Protein backbone atom coordinates (compact mmCIF):
# COMPACT_ATOMS: atom_id res chain seq x y z
CA ILE A 1 0.00 0.00 0.00
CA HIS A 2 3.00 2.33 0.47
CA SER A 3 3.18 2.60 -3.34
CA ILE A 4 -0.10 4.50 -3.35
CA ARG A 5 0.94 6.95 -0.62
CA GLU A 6 1.37 9.89 -3.00
CA LEU A 7 -2.13 9.46 -4.47
CA LEU A 8 -3.67 9.33 -1.00
CA LEU A 9 -1.83 12.51 -0.01
CA ALA A 10 -2.83 14.24 -3.25
CA ASN A 11 -6.50 13.36 -2.68
CA THR A 12 -6.20 14.65 0.89
CA VAL A 13 -4.78 17.98 -0.28
CA MET A 14 -7.40 18.45 -3.01
CA LEU A 15 -10.28 17.61 -0.66
CA GLY A 16 -8.80 19.57 2.25
CA GLU A 17 -8.45 22.77 0.24
CA ILE A 18 -12.19 22.79 -0.49
CA SER A 19 -13.97 24.44 2.44
CA SER A 20 -16.78 22.27 3.70
CA PRO A 21 -18.45 23.61 6.86
CA THR A 22 -21.51 21.75 8.09
CA PHE A 23 -24.54 22.49 5.83
CA SER A 24 -22.22 23.80 3.05
CA GLU A 25 -20.53 20.65 1.75
CA GLU A 26 -21.77 20.88 -1.87
CA GLU A 27 -18.45 21.70 -3.56
CA ARG A 28 -16.54 18.98 -1.73
CA ILE A 29 -19.24 16.42 -2.50
CA ARG A 30 -19.15 17.37 -6.20
CA PHE A 31 -15.39 16.82 -6.21
CA LEU A 32 -15.90 13.47 -4.49
CA SER A 33 -18.48 12.42 -7.10
CA ASN A 34 -16.17 13.43 -9.95
CA ARG A 35 -13.40 11.30 -8.48
CA PHE A 36 -15.85 8.39 -8.23
CA ILE A 37 -16.61 8.83 -11.95
CA GLU A 38 -12.89 8.78 -12.75
CA GLU A 39 -12.51 5.59 -10.71
CA GLY A 40 -15.30 3.90 -12.71
CA LEU A 41 -17.70 3.38 -9.80
CA HIS A 42 -21.31 2.39 -10.50
CA ASN A 43 -24.59 4.20 -9.67
CA ILE A 44 -22.92 7.46 -8.67
CA SER A 45 -25.41 9.87 -7.16
CA ILE A 46 -25.99 12.75 -4.75
CA ASP A 47 -29.12 12.34 -2.63
CA GLU A 48 -31.50 14.97 -1.22
CA ALA A 49 -29.37 15.37 1.91
CA GLY A 50 -26.30 16.08 -0.23
CA ASN A 51 -24.56 12.75 0.43
CA GLY A 52 -22.33 11.65 -2.46
CA MET A 53 -22.01 7.94 -3.19
CA GLY A 54 -20.88 5.32 -5.67
CA GLY A 55 -20.82 1.53 -5.85
CA LEU A 56 -17.97 -0.94 -6.26
CA PRO A 57 -19.52 -4.25 -7.43
CA GLY A 58 -18.70 -7.49 -5.62
CA LYS A 59 -17.93 -10.92 -7.07
CA LYS A 60 -21.32 -12.40 -6.15
CA GLY A 61 -23.16 -10.21 -8.67
CA LYS A 62 -26.91 -10.15 -8.02
CA LYS A 63 -26.44 -12.34 -4.92
CA ALA A 64 -23.98 -9.88 -3.37
CA GLY A 65 -24.77 -8.06 -0.16
CA ASN A 66 -23.86 -4.43 0.51
CA ILE A 67 -21.27 -2.96 2.86
CA LEU A 68 -21.42 0.78 3.48
CA VAL A 69 -18.05 2.55 3.77
CA CYS A 70 -18.60 6.21 4.68
CA ALA A 71 -16.75 9.27 5.90
CA HIS A 72 -18.19 12.60 6.97
CA ALA A 73 -17.46 15.38 4.51
CA ASP A 74 -18.02 18.40 6.76
CA THR A 75 -15.53 20.21 9.00
CA VAL A 76 -15.79 22.77 11.80
CA PHE A 77 -13.98 25.44 9.73
CA SER A 78 -15.91 28.16 7.90
CA ASP A 79 -15.22 29.25 4.31
CA LYS A 80 -13.58 32.40 5.72
CA VAL A 81 -10.63 30.28 6.95
CA ASP A 82 -7.63 29.79 4.65
CA HIS A 83 -7.80 26.12 3.65
CA ALA A 84 -4.29 25.87 2.17
CA MET A 85 -2.68 22.51 2.96
CA SER A 86 1.00 22.31 3.85
CA VAL A 87 2.87 19.08 3.07
CA SER A 88 6.44 18.27 4.15
CA ALA A 89 8.46 15.06 4.37
CA ASP A 90 6.66 13.65 7.40
CA ILE A 91 3.73 15.93 8.23
CA MET A 92 0.67 17.47 6.62
CA THR A 93 -1.14 20.40 8.23
CA GLY A 94 -4.27 22.35 7.38
CA PRO A 95 -7.79 23.04 8.68
CA GLY A 96 -9.69 19.78 9.14
CA VAL A 97 -6.98 17.58 7.60
CA GLY A 98 -7.43 14.91 10.28
CA ASP A 99 -11.16 15.48 10.74
CA ASN A 100 -11.99 14.51 8.13
CA SER A 101 -10.19 15.27 4.85
CA LEU A 102 -7.88 12.27 5.28
CA GLY A 103 -10.79 9.93 6.01
CA LEU A 104 -12.64 11.13 2.91
CA ALA A 105 -9.45 10.80 0.84
CA ALA A 106 -9.05 7.20 2.02
CA ILE A 107 -12.50 6.40 0.60
CA VAL A 108 -11.72 8.16 -2.70
CA THR A 109 -8.45 6.23 -2.96
CA LEU A 110 -9.89 2.84 -1.95
CA PRO A 111 -10.86 1.65 -5.48
CA GLU A 112 -7.27 2.17 -6.71
CA ILE A 113 -5.87 0.50 -3.58
CA LEU A 114 -8.02 -2.58 -4.23
CA ARG A 115 -7.01 -2.63 -7.91
CA ARG A 116 -3.30 -2.54 -7.09
CA LEU A 117 -3.70 -5.29 -4.50
CA ASP A 118 -5.88 -7.28 -6.94
CA VAL A 119 -8.61 -7.56 -4.30
CA GLN A 120 -12.32 -7.90 -5.09
CA PHE A 121 -14.79 -8.51 -2.30
CA LYS A 122 -17.72 -10.89 -2.56
CA ASP A 123 -20.11 -8.13 -1.49
CA ASN A 124 -20.69 -4.74 -3.08
CA LEU A 125 -19.08 -1.71 -1.45
CA ILE A 126 -21.09 1.50 -1.23
CA LEU A 127 -18.60 4.35 -0.84
CA MET A 128 -20.12 7.53 0.53
CA GLY A 129 -19.26 11.01 1.74
CA CYS A 130 -21.80 12.04 4.38
CA THR A 131 -23.04 15.57 5.01
CA ARG A 132 -24.35 17.37 8.10
CA SER A 133 -22.46 15.21 10.58
CA LEU A 134 -20.97 17.69 13.06
CA GLY A 135 -22.55 19.96 15.66
CA ARG A 136 -26.08 20.99 14.77
CA GLY A 137 -25.85 18.79 11.70
CA ASP A 138 -26.53 16.00 14.22
CA LEU A 139 -25.50 13.20 11.82
CA GLY A 140 -28.25 14.38 9.47
CA GLY A 141 -26.69 13.03 6.28
CA ILE A 142 -26.23 9.45 7.43
CA ARG A 143 -29.62 9.52 9.19
CA PHE A 144 -31.30 10.52 5.92
CA PHE A 145 -29.48 7.80 3.99
CA LEU A 146 -30.34 5.03 6.45
CA GLU A 147 -33.98 6.10 6.64
CA ASN A 148 -34.46 6.31 2.84
CA ASN A 149 -31.98 3.82 1.39
CA LYS A 150 -33.61 0.83 -0.36
CA LEU A 151 -30.51 -1.36 -0.49
CA PRO A 152 -30.11 -3.97 2.26
CA LEU A 153 -26.92 -3.22 4.19
CA ARG A 154 -24.98 -6.07 5.80
CA ALA A 155 -22.46 -3.90 7.62
CA GLY A 156 -21.12 -0.39 7.90
CA ILE A 157 -17.67 1.14 8.38
CA SER A 158 -17.12 4.78 9.32
CA VAL A 159 -13.73 6.10 8.20
CA GLU A 160 -12.08 8.81 10.29
CA GLY A 161 -8.81 10.47 9.35
CA ILE A 162 -7.53 10.79 12.91
CA GLU A 163 -5.74 7.55 13.86
CA LEU A 164 -6.35 6.20 10.34
CA GLY A 165 -5.55 2.48 10.46
CA ARG A 166 -7.05 1.86 13.89
CA LEU A 167 -10.18 -0.30 14.04
CA SER A 168 -12.74 0.80 16.62
CA TYR A 169 -15.57 -1.67 17.21
CA ALA A 170 -17.43 0.29 19.90
CA SER A 171 -18.70 3.84 19.99
CA VAL A 172 -20.38 6.39 22.21
CA GLY A 173 -24.12 6.92 21.74
CA MET A 174 -25.26 10.51 21.58
CA LEU A 175 -28.54 12.27 22.26
CA ARG A 176 -28.82 15.95 21.33
CA GLY A 177 -31.34 18.62 22.20
CA GLU A 178 -31.68 22.34 21.77
CA ILE A 179 -33.14 24.74 24.34
CA THR A 180 -34.42 28.12 23.17
CA VAL A 181 -35.42 30.99 25.44
CA ASN A 182 -37.73 33.63 23.93
CA LEU A 183 -38.09 37.03 25.56
CA PRO A 184 -40.77 39.60 24.66
CA ASP A 185 -39.59 42.27 22.19
CA LYS A 186 -40.47 44.98 24.67
CA PHE A 187 -39.01 43.39 27.77
CA ASP A 188 -39.27 45.66 30.82
CA TRP A 189 -35.73 45.67 32.17
CA ALA A 190 -36.65 48.36 34.69
CA ARG A 191 -39.12 46.06 36.44
CA PHE A 192 -37.82 44.85 39.81
CA GLY A 193 -36.62 41.24 39.61
CA ALA A 194 -36.62 41.13 35.81
CA THR A 195 -34.13 38.62 34.41
CA GLY A 196 -32.83 37.94 30.90
CA SER A 197 -32.27 34.70 29.05
CA VAL A 198 -28.83 34.06 30.59
CA ALA A 199 -30.30 33.81 34.08
CA ILE A 200 -33.04 31.47 32.87
CA LEU A 201 -30.60 29.26 30.99
CA THR A 202 -28.31 29.14 34.03
CA ARG A 203 -31.16 27.64 36.05
CA VAL A 204 -31.84 25.14 33.26
CA VAL A 205 -28.16 24.11 33.21
CA GLN A 206 -28.19 23.63 36.98
CA GLN A 207 -31.21 21.34 36.70
CA ILE A 208 -29.56 19.33 33.91
CA ILE A 209 -26.42 18.88 36.02
CA GLU A 210 -28.57 17.46 38.85
CA ILE A 211 -30.00 14.68 36.64
CA PRO A 212 -28.78 11.33 38.07
CA ILE A 213 -26.72 9.41 35.51
CA PRO A 214 -25.60 5.76 35.58
CA MET A 215 -22.00 4.66 36.00
CA ASN A 216 -22.61 1.61 33.80
CA PRO A 217 -22.68 2.14 30.92
CA PRO A 218 -20.34 5.15 31.36
CA THR A 219 -22.51 8.24 30.85
CA GLN A 220 -21.98 11.97 30.88
CA VAL A 221 -23.92 15.14 30.20
């Protein structure tokens, strides 16, 4: 696999220099789809959530199952940040390079890796770049795909650039919520005892902190 190192790094640079903040991943997904076309993948598409995907057929043909291999395409960096990648002999730096330009580049490079190793799986691989994963995106891209996908999936692998090469077989479950405080437009700040949203939210936070949580499984708020 070392022989393909330069291609992997080149894909990482090209993907990393396209800004892709959560909810604005269109340009990076278009690049991903174009690379899938160049690699000869099948059924290349971009769904309503903006996820970009392509298929790598397995040896079983119509009897093949499907394995989803996905990486999130969004980063925490806005388009106002300089996305220039810097590459030296033993290090690459740039906004979001580890989370998750490298992971996305690994998926883009995977078809060529398998060709050079002369490897073809029995099952089909569905390679996908997911949108809306971070922060308020709340894993929206992969949620949409799993809720609307018609193909039966036998397994799924999530590819993350940080610690690329490590296999994690357990994960942390996550439950998100959003609390909004609305104040009247003409709030009477002169009224004795009047409080703003910060005071109200502080009380809410205190109540959340007091919620009893189990030690097993390990849990935190």
